[in-house]
Amino acid sequence: MSFSFLITIPRHDTTVQYLASWSKEVLGFAKNRNIKYRQLEGPRANRKDVESALRKQNPDFVLFNGHGDETTISGHKNEPLIISNKNEHLLESKIVYALACNAAKQLGRDAVKKGCKAFIGYEAVFGFVRDITREASPVKDKFARPFKEFSNTISISLLKGNTVHVAVERARKRAQELIRYYSTSDAEPGHRDVRFWLFWNSYFLTALGDTEAGLK
């Protein structure tokens, strides 16, 4: 593979710790395919380092993990990394997946206007269910696992060379499959919430810009 990607992995609270644990699968896939990447993890998921990496390394794909709102994607300790009308131009010519609440509602559109090739994100909060007894080891949390599958389908599909449109549609299809699975008669308590949030995330998943773009 001739492309490269940048991934931010903050770890300062329980929610982003879960996202960080999900990222291991994506990074493992990249290593097996010899795909070049740079990860900015923990305190390094800050605005200075992110802006520097976007400028100097010019990755083809950027995967943001973190909190967000309509105009901001945040990193370590909620430091704003990408802000509408300030530095979204740094996403020019890149495919972006923002695993961050609300970021597609305005920031994604602003980024595309400034030249971002394609922006995948959510126009509402990204919700997931977790087992409080497993918060210290998210990888073992069976309630959170379907959300990892849903989200990672997007990143891994893109890394396989599929278009943005295909990646998003595969994630939606996987959500439907998981909803059916968690609708079985022997479903455990908590599965109703799993179904709800899978449907919610799938509904508000949005792809902006050139949805026929892919990594090559």
N, C-alpha and C. Protein backbone atom coordinates (compact mmCIF):
# COMPACT_ATOMS: atom_id res chain seq x y z
N MET A 1 0.85 -1.19 0.00
CA MET A 1 0.00 0.00 0.00
C MET A 1 0.89 1.25 0.00
N SER A 2 0.55 2.23 -0.83
CA SER A 2 1.39 3.42 -0.96
C SER A 2 0.89 4.60 -0.14
N PHE A 3 -0.23 4.45 0.52
CA PHE A 3 -0.77 5.56 1.29
C PHE A 3 -0.35 5.45 2.75
N SER A 4 -0.63 6.51 3.50
CA SER A 4 -0.31 6.53 4.93
C SER A 4 -1.48 7.15 5.68
N PHE A 5 -1.51 6.91 6.99
CA PHE A 5 -2.57 7.54 7.77
C PHE A 5 -2.09 7.97 9.13
N LEU A 6 -2.84 8.89 9.71
CA LEU A 6 -2.58 9.44 11.03
C LEU A 6 -3.75 9.08 11.93
N ILE A 7 -3.45 8.67 13.16
CA ILE A 7 -4.50 8.33 14.11
C ILE A 7 -4.24 9.00 15.44
N THR A 8 -5.28 9.61 16.01
CA THR A 8 -5.16 10.20 17.35
C THR A 8 -5.82 9.25 18.35
N ILE A 9 -5.13 9.06 19.49
CA ILE A 9 -5.60 8.11 20.50
C ILE A 9 -5.48 8.73 21.89
N PRO A 10 -6.39 9.64 22.25
CA PRO A 10 -6.38 10.15 23.63
C PRO A 10 -6.83 9.06 24.60
N ARG A 11 -6.43 9.21 25.86
CA ARG A 11 -6.75 8.17 26.86
C ARG A 11 -7.15 8.76 28.21
N HIS A 12 -7.60 9.99 28.26
CA HIS A 12 -7.74 10.69 29.53
C HIS A 12 -9.04 10.40 30.28
N ASP A 13 -10.02 9.71 29.66
CA ASP A 13 -11.22 9.36 30.41
C ASP A 13 -11.74 8.00 29.92
N THR A 14 -12.77 7.51 30.57
CA THR A 14 -13.26 6.16 30.27
C THR A 14 -13.73 6.02 28.83
N THR A 15 -14.46 7.02 28.34
CA THR A 15 -14.98 6.93 26.97
C THR A 15 -13.86 6.79 25.95
N VAL A 16 -12.87 7.65 26.02
CA VAL A 16 -11.80 7.59 25.03
C VAL A 16 -10.90 6.38 25.25
N GLN A 17 -10.86 5.85 26.47
CA GLN A 17 -10.11 4.61 26.69
C GLN A 17 -10.74 3.47 25.88
N TYR A 18 -12.05 3.47 25.80
CA TYR A 18 -12.73 2.47 24.98
C TYR A 18 -12.35 2.65 23.51
N LEU A 19 -12.41 3.87 23.03
CA LEU A 19 -12.05 4.12 21.63
C LEU A 19 -10.61 3.72 21.36
N ALA A 20 -9.74 3.97 22.34
CA ALA A 20 -8.34 3.58 22.20
C ALA A 20 -8.20 2.07 22.08
N SER A 21 -8.97 1.34 22.86
CA SER A 21 -8.90 -0.12 22.80
C SER A 21 -9.39 -0.63 21.45
N TRP A 22 -10.39 0.04 20.88
CA TRP A 22 -10.90 -0.36 19.57
C TRP A 22 -9.84 -0.13 18.48
N SER A 23 -9.01 0.88 18.69
CA SER A 23 -8.01 1.23 17.68
C SER A 23 -6.96 0.14 17.49
N LYS A 24 -6.79 -0.72 18.48
CA LYS A 24 -5.77 -1.76 18.38
C LYS A 24 -6.03 -2.66 17.18
N GLU A 25 -7.31 -2.94 16.91
CA GLU A 25 -7.65 -3.78 15.77
C GLU A 25 -7.27 -3.10 14.46
N VAL A 26 -7.53 -1.81 14.36
CA VAL A 26 -7.21 -1.05 13.15
C VAL A 26 -5.70 -1.02 12.94
N LEU A 27 -4.95 -0.76 14.00
CA LEU A 27 -3.50 -0.70 13.89
C LEU A 27 -2.91 -2.07 13.57
N GLY A 28 -3.50 -3.12 14.15
CA GLY A 28 -3.05 -4.46 13.84
C GLY A 28 -3.24 -4.80 12.37
N PHE A 29 -4.37 -4.38 11.82
CA PHE A 29 -4.64 -4.59 10.40
C PHE A 29 -3.61 -3.85 9.56
N ALA A 30 -3.32 -2.60 9.93
CA ALA A 30 -2.36 -1.80 9.18
C ALA A 30 -0.97 -2.44 9.21
N LYS A 31 -0.56 -2.94 10.36
CA LYS A 31 0.75 -3.59 10.46
C LYS A 31 0.83 -4.81 9.57
N ASN A 32 -0.23 -5.61 9.55
CA ASN A 32 -0.24 -6.82 8.73
C ASN A 32 -0.19 -6.52 7.25
N ARG A 33 -0.71 -5.35 6.88
CA ARG A 33 -0.72 -4.96 5.45
C ARG A 33 0.45 -4.04 5.10
N ASN A 34 1.35 -3.81 6.07
CA ASN A 34 2.50 -2.92 5.86
C ASN A 34 2.08 -1.52 5.44
N ILE A 35 0.99 -1.04 6.02
CA ILE A 35 0.51 0.31 5.76
C ILE A 35 1.19 1.26 6.73
N LYS A 36 1.74 2.33 6.22
CA LYS A 36 2.45 3.29 7.05
C LYS A 36 1.46 4.15 7.84
N TYR A 37 1.75 4.35 9.10
CA TYR A 37 0.88 5.20 9.91
C TYR A 37 1.69 5.87 11.02
N ARG A 38 1.10 6.90 11.55
CA ARG A 38 1.66 7.56 12.75
C ARG A 38 0.55 7.69 13.76
N GLN A 39 0.81 7.28 14.99
CA GLN A 39 -0.18 7.42 16.03
C GLN A 39 0.26 8.47 17.04
N LEU A 40 -0.66 9.35 17.38
CA LEU A 40 -0.44 10.36 18.41
C LEU A 40 -1.31 9.96 19.58
N GLU A 41 -0.66 9.39 20.58
CA GLU A 41 -1.38 8.74 21.67
C GLU A 41 -1.19 9.49 22.99
N GLY A 42 -2.22 9.43 23.83
CA GLY A 42 -2.14 10.07 25.15
C GLY A 42 -1.87 11.55 25.02
N PRO A 43 -0.91 12.09 25.78
CA PRO A 43 -0.62 13.53 25.74
C PRO A 43 -0.19 14.03 24.37
N ARG A 44 0.28 13.13 23.51
CA ARG A 44 0.71 13.55 22.18
C ARG A 44 -0.46 13.83 21.24
N ALA A 45 -1.65 13.48 21.68
CA ALA A 45 -2.85 13.81 20.89
C ALA A 45 -3.25 15.25 21.20
N ASN A 46 -2.32 16.16 20.88
CA ASN A 46 -2.54 17.59 21.15
C ASN A 46 -2.52 18.36 19.85
N ARG A 47 -2.99 19.58 19.92
CA ARG A 47 -3.15 20.37 18.69
C ARG A 47 -1.82 20.62 17.98
N LYS A 48 -0.78 20.94 18.74
CA LYS A 48 0.51 21.24 18.12
C LYS A 48 1.03 20.06 17.33
N ASP A 49 1.01 18.87 17.93
CA ASP A 49 1.54 17.69 17.25
C ASP A 49 0.66 17.26 16.09
N VAL A 50 -0.66 17.40 16.25
CA VAL A 50 -1.57 17.04 15.16
C VAL A 50 -1.37 17.97 13.97
N GLU A 51 -1.32 19.26 14.23
CA GLU A 51 -1.12 20.20 13.12
C GLU A 51 0.21 19.96 12.42
N SER A 52 1.24 19.66 13.21
CA SER A 52 2.56 19.38 12.63
C SER A 52 2.53 18.14 11.75
N ALA A 53 1.88 17.09 12.24
CA ALA A 53 1.80 15.85 11.46
C ALA A 53 1.00 16.05 10.18
N LEU A 54 -0.09 16.82 10.25
CA LEU A 54 -0.90 17.07 9.06
C LEU A 54 -0.11 17.86 8.02
N ARG A 55 0.70 18.80 8.47
CA ARG A 55 1.47 19.63 7.55
C ARG A 55 2.66 18.88 6.96
N LYS A 56 3.45 18.26 7.83
CA LYS A 56 4.73 17.70 7.40
C LYS A 56 4.60 16.32 6.77
N GLN A 57 3.72 15.49 7.31
CA GLN A 57 3.61 14.13 6.80
C GLN A 57 2.51 13.98 5.76
N ASN A 58 1.57 14.90 5.80
CA ASN A 58 0.50 14.93 4.79
C ASN A 58 -0.14 13.55 4.59
N PRO A 59 -0.71 12.96 5.63
CA PRO A 59 -1.31 11.62 5.49
C PRO A 59 -2.51 11.64 4.56
N ASP A 60 -2.76 10.50 3.94
CA ASP A 60 -3.90 10.38 3.03
C ASP A 60 -5.21 10.18 3.79
N PHE A 61 -5.09 9.57 4.97
CA PHE A 61 -6.26 9.22 5.79
C PHE A 61 -5.99 9.66 7.22
N VAL A 62 -6.99 10.25 7.86
CA VAL A 62 -6.87 10.67 9.25
C VAL A 62 -8.02 10.07 10.04
N LEU A 63 -7.68 9.37 11.11
CA LEU A 63 -8.69 8.79 12.00
C LEU A 63 -8.60 9.49 13.34
N PHE A 64 -9.61 10.26 13.65
CA PHE A 64 -9.68 10.97 14.93
C PHE A 64 -10.52 10.17 15.92
N ASN A 65 -9.96 9.87 17.07
CA ASN A 65 -10.71 9.31 18.19
C ASN A 65 -10.79 10.37 19.27
N GLY A 66 -11.97 10.62 19.79
CA GLY A 66 -12.06 11.62 20.85
C GLY A 66 -13.44 12.21 20.99
N HIS A 67 -13.55 13.20 21.83
CA HIS A 67 -14.81 13.90 21.98
C HIS A 67 -14.93 14.95 20.88
N GLY A 68 -16.14 15.44 20.70
CA GLY A 68 -16.34 16.45 19.69
C GLY A 68 -17.65 17.19 19.88
N ASP A 69 -17.83 18.22 19.10
CA ASP A 69 -19.11 18.91 19.02
C ASP A 69 -19.26 19.40 17.58
N GLU A 70 -20.21 20.23 17.32
CA GLU A 70 -20.52 20.61 15.94
C GLU A 70 -19.36 21.30 15.23
N THR A 71 -18.47 21.93 15.97
CA THR A 71 -17.41 22.70 15.34
C THR A 71 -16.00 22.28 15.77
N THR A 72 -15.89 21.20 16.55
CA THR A 72 -14.59 20.85 17.13
C THR A 72 -14.40 19.34 17.23
N ILE A 73 -13.17 18.91 16.97
CA ILE A 73 -12.72 17.57 17.33
C ILE A 73 -11.63 17.74 18.38
N SER A 74 -11.75 17.03 19.48
CA SER A 74 -10.82 17.20 20.59
C SER A 74 -9.89 16.01 20.76
N GLY A 75 -8.81 16.25 21.50
CA GLY A 75 -7.83 15.21 21.77
C GLY A 75 -7.58 15.04 23.25
N HIS A 76 -6.30 15.00 23.63
CA HIS A 76 -5.92 14.77 25.02
C HIS A 76 -6.50 15.83 25.94
N LYS A 77 -7.17 15.36 26.98
CA LYS A 77 -7.82 16.24 27.97
C LYS A 77 -8.73 17.26 27.29
N ASN A 78 -9.35 16.83 26.20
CA ASN A 78 -10.33 17.64 25.46
C ASN A 78 -9.75 18.91 24.84
N GLU A 79 -8.46 18.90 24.58
CA GLU A 79 -7.87 20.03 23.86
C GLU A 79 -8.37 20.03 22.42
N PRO A 80 -8.91 21.13 21.93
CA PRO A 80 -9.38 21.18 20.55
C PRO A 80 -8.23 20.93 19.57
N LEU A 81 -8.45 19.99 18.64
CA LEU A 81 -7.45 19.67 17.63
C LEU A 81 -7.78 20.33 16.30
N ILE A 82 -9.01 20.15 15.85
CA ILE A 82 -9.50 20.74 14.61
C ILE A 82 -10.72 21.58 14.95
N ILE A 83 -10.70 22.83 14.49
CA ILE A 83 -11.75 23.79 14.85
C ILE A 83 -12.24 24.48 13.59
N SER A 84 -13.55 24.53 13.43
CA SER A 84 -14.14 25.22 12.28
C SER A 84 -13.66 26.66 12.21
N ASN A 85 -13.34 27.08 10.99
CA ASN A 85 -12.92 28.44 10.70
C ASN A 85 -11.57 28.81 11.33
N LYS A 86 -10.81 27.78 11.75
CA LYS A 86 -9.47 28.04 12.28
C LYS A 86 -8.42 27.19 11.57
N ASN A 87 -8.59 25.88 11.59
CA ASN A 87 -7.54 25.05 10.99
C ASN A 87 -8.07 23.84 10.22
N GLU A 88 -9.35 23.84 9.87
CA GLU A 88 -9.89 22.71 9.12
C GLU A 88 -9.28 22.61 7.72
N HIS A 89 -8.63 23.69 7.26
CA HIS A 89 -7.96 23.64 5.96
C HIS A 89 -6.82 22.62 5.94
N LEU A 90 -6.33 22.23 7.12
CA LEU A 90 -5.24 21.24 7.20
C LEU A 90 -5.70 19.85 6.77
N LEU A 91 -7.00 19.67 6.62
CA LEU A 91 -7.53 18.38 6.18
C LEU A 91 -7.68 18.32 4.66
N GLU A 92 -7.17 19.32 3.98
CA GLU A 92 -7.26 19.37 2.52
C GLU A 92 -6.68 18.11 1.89
N SER A 93 -7.39 17.57 0.91
CA SER A 93 -6.97 16.41 0.11
C SER A 93 -6.91 15.10 0.91
N LYS A 94 -7.50 15.08 2.09
CA LYS A 94 -7.45 13.90 2.94
C LYS A 94 -8.84 13.28 3.10
N ILE A 95 -8.85 11.98 3.36
CA ILE A 95 -10.06 11.31 3.79
C ILE A 95 -10.02 11.24 5.30
N VAL A 96 -11.09 11.66 5.94
CA VAL A 96 -11.14 11.76 7.40
C VAL A 96 -12.28 10.92 7.95
N TYR A 97 -11.99 10.20 9.01
CA TYR A 97 -13.06 9.56 9.78
C TYR A 97 -12.96 10.08 11.21
N ALA A 98 -13.97 10.78 11.65
CA ALA A 98 -14.00 11.35 13.00
C ALA A 98 -14.92 10.54 13.88
N LEU A 99 -14.34 9.74 14.75
CA LEU A 99 -15.12 9.00 15.74
C LEU A 99 -15.29 9.94 16.93
N ALA A 100 -16.15 10.92 16.74
CA ALA A 100 -16.34 12.00 17.70
C ALA A 100 -17.76 12.54 17.53
N CYS A 101 -18.40 12.81 18.62
CA CYS A 101 -19.80 13.25 18.58
C CYS A 101 -19.98 14.53 17.75
N ASN A 102 -20.99 14.53 16.92
CA ASN A 102 -21.50 15.74 16.25
C ASN A 102 -20.58 16.37 15.21
N ALA A 103 -19.38 15.85 15.01
CA ALA A 103 -18.39 16.56 14.21
C ALA A 103 -18.78 16.73 12.75
N ALA A 104 -19.66 15.85 12.24
CA ALA A 104 -20.05 15.98 10.83
C ALA A 104 -21.11 17.06 10.62
N LYS A 105 -21.71 17.51 11.69
CA LYS A 105 -22.84 18.43 11.54
C LYS A 105 -22.42 19.77 10.94
N GLN A 106 -21.27 20.30 11.38
CA GLN A 106 -20.80 21.56 10.83
C GLN A 106 -19.32 21.48 10.43
N LEU A 107 -18.49 20.96 11.33
CA LEU A 107 -17.05 20.90 11.05
C LEU A 107 -16.76 20.12 9.78
N GLY A 108 -17.42 18.98 9.61
CA GLY A 108 -17.19 18.19 8.41
C GLY A 108 -17.52 18.96 7.15
N ARG A 109 -18.60 19.69 7.17
CA ARG A 109 -18.99 20.50 6.01
C ARG A 109 -17.99 21.63 5.77
N ASP A 110 -17.54 22.25 6.84
CA ASP A 110 -16.55 23.32 6.69
C ASP A 110 -15.25 22.77 6.13
N ALA A 111 -14.86 21.57 6.59
CA ALA A 111 -13.62 20.96 6.11
C ALA A 111 -13.70 20.65 4.62
N VAL A 112 -14.84 20.12 4.18
CA VAL A 112 -15.01 19.80 2.76
C VAL A 112 -14.95 21.08 1.92
N LYS A 113 -15.52 22.15 2.41
CA LYS A 113 -15.47 23.43 1.70
C LYS A 113 -14.03 23.92 1.56
N LYS A 114 -13.18 23.54 2.54
CA LYS A 114 -11.78 23.97 2.52
C LYS A 114 -10.88 22.95 1.83
N GLY A 115 -11.48 21.94 1.18
CA GLY A 115 -10.68 21.03 0.37
C GLY A 115 -10.51 19.63 0.88
N CYS A 116 -11.10 19.31 2.04
CA CYS A 116 -11.05 17.94 2.54
C CYS A 116 -11.70 17.02 1.49
N LYS A 117 -11.01 15.96 1.12
CA LYS A 117 -11.52 15.09 0.06
C LYS A 117 -12.83 14.44 0.44
N ALA A 118 -12.88 13.86 1.65
CA ALA A 118 -14.11 13.25 2.15
C ALA A 118 -14.05 13.22 3.67
N PHE A 119 -15.19 13.44 4.28
CA PHE A 119 -15.27 13.48 5.74
C PHE A 119 -16.38 12.54 6.19
N ILE A 120 -16.01 11.54 6.98
CA ILE A 120 -16.97 10.60 7.55
C ILE A 120 -17.10 10.92 9.04
N GLY A 121 -18.33 11.05 9.50
CA GLY A 121 -18.54 11.35 10.91
C GLY A 121 -20.00 11.20 11.28
N TYR A 122 -20.37 11.82 12.37
CA TYR A 122 -21.71 11.68 12.93
C TYR A 122 -22.34 13.05 13.12
N GLU A 123 -23.61 13.15 12.76
CA GLU A 123 -24.33 14.42 12.90
C GLU A 123 -25.05 14.51 14.24
N ALA A 124 -24.78 13.60 15.13
CA ALA A 124 -25.32 13.61 16.49
C ALA A 124 -24.29 12.94 17.38
N VAL A 125 -24.64 12.69 18.62
CA VAL A 125 -23.70 12.02 19.52
C VAL A 125 -23.47 10.59 19.02
N PHE A 126 -22.27 10.09 19.23
CA PHE A 126 -21.97 8.68 19.00
C PHE A 126 -22.13 7.99 20.35
N GLY A 127 -23.10 7.09 20.44
CA GLY A 127 -23.37 6.43 21.71
C GLY A 127 -23.00 4.96 21.68
N PHE A 128 -22.58 4.44 22.82
CA PHE A 128 -22.35 3.00 22.92
C PHE A 128 -22.62 2.55 24.35
N VAL A 129 -22.85 1.27 24.48
CA VAL A 129 -23.19 0.68 25.78
C VAL A 129 -21.94 0.03 26.36
N ARG A 130 -21.74 0.16 27.65
CA ARG A 130 -20.61 -0.50 28.27
C ARG A 130 -21.01 -1.14 29.59
N ASP A 131 -20.28 -2.12 29.96
CA ASP A 131 -20.47 -2.84 31.21
C ASP A 131 -19.55 -2.21 32.25
N ILE A 132 -20.13 -1.61 33.29
CA ILE A 132 -19.30 -0.88 34.26
C ILE A 132 -18.31 -1.79 34.97
N THR A 133 -18.57 -3.08 34.97
CA THR A 133 -17.63 -4.00 35.62
C THR A 133 -16.43 -4.29 34.73
N ARG A 134 -16.47 -3.83 33.48
CA ARG A 134 -15.38 -4.09 32.55
C ARG A 134 -14.66 -2.82 32.12
N GLU A 135 -14.94 -1.70 32.78
CA GLU A 135 -14.36 -0.44 32.33
C GLU A 135 -12.84 -0.41 32.44
N ALA A 136 -12.29 -1.23 33.32
CA ALA A 136 -10.84 -1.27 33.44
C ALA A 136 -10.19 -2.09 32.32
N SER A 137 -11.00 -2.88 31.63
CA SER A 137 -10.48 -3.71 30.52
C SER A 137 -11.51 -3.70 29.40
N PRO A 138 -11.61 -2.60 28.66
CA PRO A 138 -12.63 -2.44 27.62
C PRO A 138 -12.66 -3.56 26.59
N VAL A 139 -11.52 -4.15 26.32
CA VAL A 139 -11.47 -5.20 25.30
C VAL A 139 -12.32 -6.40 25.69
N LYS A 140 -12.60 -6.56 26.98
CA LYS A 140 -13.40 -7.68 27.47
C LYS A 140 -14.88 -7.33 27.63
N ASP A 141 -15.25 -6.11 27.28
CA ASP A 141 -16.63 -5.65 27.46
C ASP A 141 -17.49 -6.13 26.29
N LYS A 142 -18.35 -7.11 26.54
CA LYS A 142 -19.16 -7.69 25.46
C LYS A 142 -20.25 -6.74 24.98
N PHE A 143 -20.69 -5.81 25.84
CA PHE A 143 -21.70 -4.85 25.40
C PHE A 143 -21.12 -3.82 24.44
N ALA A 144 -19.85 -3.47 24.63
CA ALA A 144 -19.21 -2.48 23.76
C ALA A 144 -18.71 -3.09 22.46
N ARG A 145 -18.54 -4.40 22.42
CA ARG A 145 -17.95 -5.07 21.26
C ARG A 145 -18.68 -4.78 19.95
N PRO A 146 -20.01 -4.78 19.90
CA PRO A 146 -20.67 -4.50 18.61
C PRO A 146 -20.39 -3.10 18.09
N PHE A 147 -20.14 -2.15 18.99
CA PHE A 147 -19.86 -0.79 18.55
C PHE A 147 -18.45 -0.70 17.98
N LYS A 148 -17.54 -1.49 18.55
CA LYS A 148 -16.20 -1.58 17.97
C LYS A 148 -16.30 -2.16 16.56
N GLU A 149 -17.08 -3.20 16.38
CA GLU A 149 -17.23 -3.82 15.06
C GLU A 149 -17.80 -2.83 14.06
N PHE A 150 -18.81 -2.10 14.47
CA PHE A 150 -19.45 -1.12 13.60
C PHE A 150 -18.46 -0.05 13.17
N SER A 151 -17.78 0.56 14.13
CA SER A 151 -16.87 1.65 13.82
C SER A 151 -15.65 1.16 13.04
N ASN A 152 -15.05 0.06 13.48
CA ASN A 152 -13.84 -0.43 12.81
C ASN A 152 -14.11 -0.92 11.39
N THR A 153 -15.35 -1.27 11.11
CA THR A 153 -15.69 -1.64 9.74
C THR A 153 -15.37 -0.50 8.78
N ILE A 154 -15.61 0.72 9.22
CA ILE A 154 -15.34 1.89 8.38
C ILE A 154 -13.84 2.02 8.12
N SER A 155 -13.05 2.05 9.19
CA SER A 155 -11.61 2.26 9.05
C SER A 155 -10.95 1.14 8.26
N ILE A 156 -11.26 -0.10 8.60
CA ILE A 156 -10.62 -1.23 7.95
C ILE A 156 -11.05 -1.33 6.49
N SER A 157 -12.30 -1.04 6.20
CA SER A 157 -12.76 -1.04 4.81
C SER A 157 -12.00 -0.01 3.99
N LEU A 158 -11.78 1.17 4.55
CA LEU A 158 -10.99 2.19 3.85
C LEU A 158 -9.56 1.72 3.64
N LEU A 159 -8.96 1.12 4.67
CA LEU A 159 -7.58 0.65 4.56
C LEU A 159 -7.44 -0.48 3.55
N LYS A 160 -8.53 -1.18 3.27
CA LYS A 160 -8.52 -2.22 2.24
C LYS A 160 -8.57 -1.62 0.83
N GLY A 161 -8.81 -0.32 0.75
CA GLY A 161 -8.86 0.34 -0.55
C GLY A 161 -10.25 0.60 -1.07
N ASN A 162 -11.25 0.34 -0.25
CA ASN A 162 -12.63 0.60 -0.67
C ASN A 162 -12.94 2.10 -0.65
N THR A 163 -13.95 2.48 -1.38
CA THR A 163 -14.35 3.89 -1.40
C THR A 163 -15.04 4.26 -0.10
N VAL A 164 -15.16 5.55 0.12
CA VAL A 164 -15.88 6.06 1.29
C VAL A 164 -17.31 5.53 1.31
N HIS A 165 -17.95 5.56 0.17
CA HIS A 165 -19.33 5.08 0.09
C HIS A 165 -19.43 3.61 0.50
N VAL A 166 -18.54 2.79 -0.01
CA VAL A 166 -18.57 1.36 0.32
C VAL A 166 -18.29 1.15 1.81
N ALA A 167 -17.32 1.88 2.35
CA ALA A 167 -16.99 1.74 3.77
C ALA A 167 -18.18 2.06 4.66
N VAL A 168 -18.87 3.14 4.34
CA VAL A 168 -20.03 3.55 5.14
C VAL A 168 -21.17 2.56 5.00
N GLU A 169 -21.41 2.10 3.78
CA GLU A 169 -22.50 1.14 3.57
C GLU A 169 -22.21 -0.20 4.24
N ARG A 170 -20.95 -0.60 4.26
CA ARG A 170 -20.60 -1.84 4.95
C ARG A 170 -20.82 -1.70 6.46
N ALA A 171 -20.53 -0.53 7.00
CA ALA A 171 -20.76 -0.30 8.43
C ALA A 171 -22.26 -0.35 8.73
N ARG A 172 -23.05 0.26 7.88
CA ARG A 172 -24.51 0.24 8.09
C ARG A 172 -25.05 -1.19 7.99
N LYS A 173 -24.52 -1.95 7.04
CA LYS A 173 -24.95 -3.35 6.91
C LYS A 173 -24.57 -4.14 8.15
N ARG A 174 -23.35 -3.89 8.65
CA ARG A 174 -22.92 -4.60 9.86
C ARG A 174 -23.79 -4.22 11.04
N ALA A 175 -24.20 -2.97 11.12
CA ALA A 175 -25.09 -2.54 12.20
C ALA A 175 -26.42 -3.29 12.13
N GLN A 176 -26.95 -3.44 10.93
CA GLN A 176 -28.20 -4.17 10.76
C GLN A 176 -28.06 -5.63 11.20
N GLU A 177 -26.94 -6.24 10.83
CA GLU A 177 -26.69 -7.63 11.24
C GLU A 177 -26.60 -7.75 12.74
N LEU A 178 -25.92 -6.82 13.36
CA LEU A 178 -25.76 -6.85 14.82
C LEU A 178 -27.09 -6.59 15.53
N ILE A 179 -27.88 -5.68 14.98
CA ILE A 179 -29.21 -5.42 15.57
C ILE A 179 -30.06 -6.68 15.54
N ARG A 180 -30.02 -7.39 14.42
CA ARG A 180 -30.76 -8.65 14.34
C ARG A 180 -30.24 -9.66 15.35
N TYR A 181 -28.93 -9.74 15.48
CA TYR A 181 -28.34 -10.69 16.44
C TYR A 181 -28.78 -10.36 17.87
N TYR A 182 -28.75 -9.08 18.22
CA TYR A 182 -29.11 -8.68 19.58
C TYR A 182 -30.62 -8.59 19.79
N SER A 183 -31.38 -9.00 18.79
CA SER A 183 -32.83 -9.06 18.91
C SER A 183 -33.33 -10.48 19.14
N THR A 184 -32.44 -11.43 19.26
CA THR A 184 -32.85 -12.82 19.46
C THR A 184 -33.56 -13.00 20.80
N SER A 185 -34.34 -14.07 20.89
CA SER A 185 -35.16 -14.30 22.08
C SER A 185 -34.34 -14.50 23.34
N ASP A 186 -33.09 -14.94 23.19
CA ASP A 186 -32.28 -15.17 24.37
C ASP A 186 -31.38 -13.97 24.69
N ALA A 187 -31.77 -12.82 24.16
CA ALA A 187 -30.97 -11.61 24.40
C ALA A 187 -30.88 -11.30 25.89
N GLU A 188 -29.70 -10.89 26.30
CA GLU A 188 -29.47 -10.56 27.70
C GLU A 188 -29.98 -9.15 28.01
N PRO A 189 -30.15 -8.86 29.31
CA PRO A 189 -30.47 -7.48 29.69
C PRO A 189 -29.38 -6.55 29.17
N GLY A 190 -29.77 -5.42 28.67
CA GLY A 190 -28.81 -4.48 28.08
C GLY A 190 -28.80 -4.52 26.58
N HIS A 191 -29.30 -5.61 25.98
CA HIS A 191 -29.29 -5.73 24.53
C HIS A 191 -30.24 -4.74 23.87
N ARG A 192 -31.29 -4.36 24.57
CA ARG A 192 -32.20 -3.35 24.01
C ARG A 192 -31.45 -2.04 23.79
N ASP A 193 -30.61 -1.65 24.75
CA ASP A 193 -29.82 -0.43 24.60
C ASP A 193 -28.79 -0.58 23.49
N VAL A 194 -28.22 -1.77 23.37
CA VAL A 194 -27.27 -2.02 22.29
C VAL A 194 -27.95 -1.81 20.94
N ARG A 195 -29.14 -2.37 20.77
CA ARG A 195 -29.87 -2.21 19.51
C ARG A 195 -30.18 -0.75 19.22
N PHE A 196 -30.62 -0.04 20.27
CA PHE A 196 -30.98 1.37 20.08
C PHE A 196 -29.79 2.17 19.59
N TRP A 197 -28.64 2.03 20.24
CA TRP A 197 -27.49 2.86 19.90
C TRP A 197 -26.84 2.44 18.59
N LEU A 198 -26.93 1.17 18.24
CA LEU A 198 -26.46 0.76 16.92
C LEU A 198 -27.30 1.41 15.83
N PHE A 199 -28.62 1.40 16.02
CA PHE A 199 -29.50 2.06 15.06
C PHE A 199 -29.21 3.55 15.01
N TRP A 200 -29.07 4.18 16.16
CA TRP A 200 -28.82 5.62 16.26
C TRP A 200 -27.53 6.00 15.52
N ASN A 201 -26.45 5.29 15.83
CA ASN A 201 -25.16 5.62 15.21
C ASN A 201 -25.21 5.42 13.70
N SER A 202 -25.87 4.35 13.27
CA SER A 202 -25.98 4.08 11.85
C SER A 202 -26.79 5.17 11.15
N TYR A 203 -27.85 5.61 11.80
CA TYR A 203 -28.72 6.64 11.22
C TYR A 203 -27.99 7.97 11.06
N PHE A 204 -27.18 8.33 12.05
CA PHE A 204 -26.52 9.63 12.02
C PHE A 204 -25.11 9.59 11.42
N LEU A 205 -24.68 8.41 10.98
CA LEU A 205 -23.41 8.30 10.26
C LEU A 205 -23.54 9.03 8.93
N THR A 206 -22.57 9.87 8.61
CA THR A 206 -22.67 10.73 7.45
C THR A 206 -21.35 10.74 6.69
N ALA A 207 -21.45 10.73 5.38
CA ALA A 207 -20.27 10.87 4.52
C ALA A 207 -20.42 12.11 3.67
N LEU A 208 -19.45 12.99 3.72
CA LEU A 208 -19.49 14.26 3.01
C LEU A 208 -18.34 14.34 2.01
N GLY A 209 -18.51 15.14 0.99
CA GLY A 209 -17.46 15.31 0.00
C GLY A 209 -17.52 14.26 -1.09
N ASP A 210 -16.37 13.83 -1.54
CA ASP A 210 -16.27 12.86 -2.64
C ASP A 210 -16.40 11.45 -2.06
N THR A 211 -17.61 10.92 -2.06
CA THR A 211 -17.83 9.61 -1.45
C THR A 211 -17.32 8.46 -2.33
N GLU A 212 -16.89 8.76 -3.55
CA GLU A 212 -16.29 7.72 -4.40
C GLU A 212 -14.78 7.71 -4.26
N ALA A 213 -14.25 8.53 -3.39
CA ALA A 213 -12.81 8.55 -3.15
C ALA A 213 -12.40 7.35 -2.31
N GLY A 214 -11.17 6.91 -2.52
CA GLY A 214 -10.63 5.81 -1.73
C GLY A 214 -9.12 5.96 -1.59
N LEU A 215 -8.52 5.12 -0.79
CA LEU A 215 -7.08 5.15 -0.56
C LEU A 215 -6.40 4.23 -1.56
N LYS A 216 -5.30 4.68 -2.13
CA LYS A 216 -4.58 3.90 -3.14
C LYS A 216 -3.09 3.86 -2.82
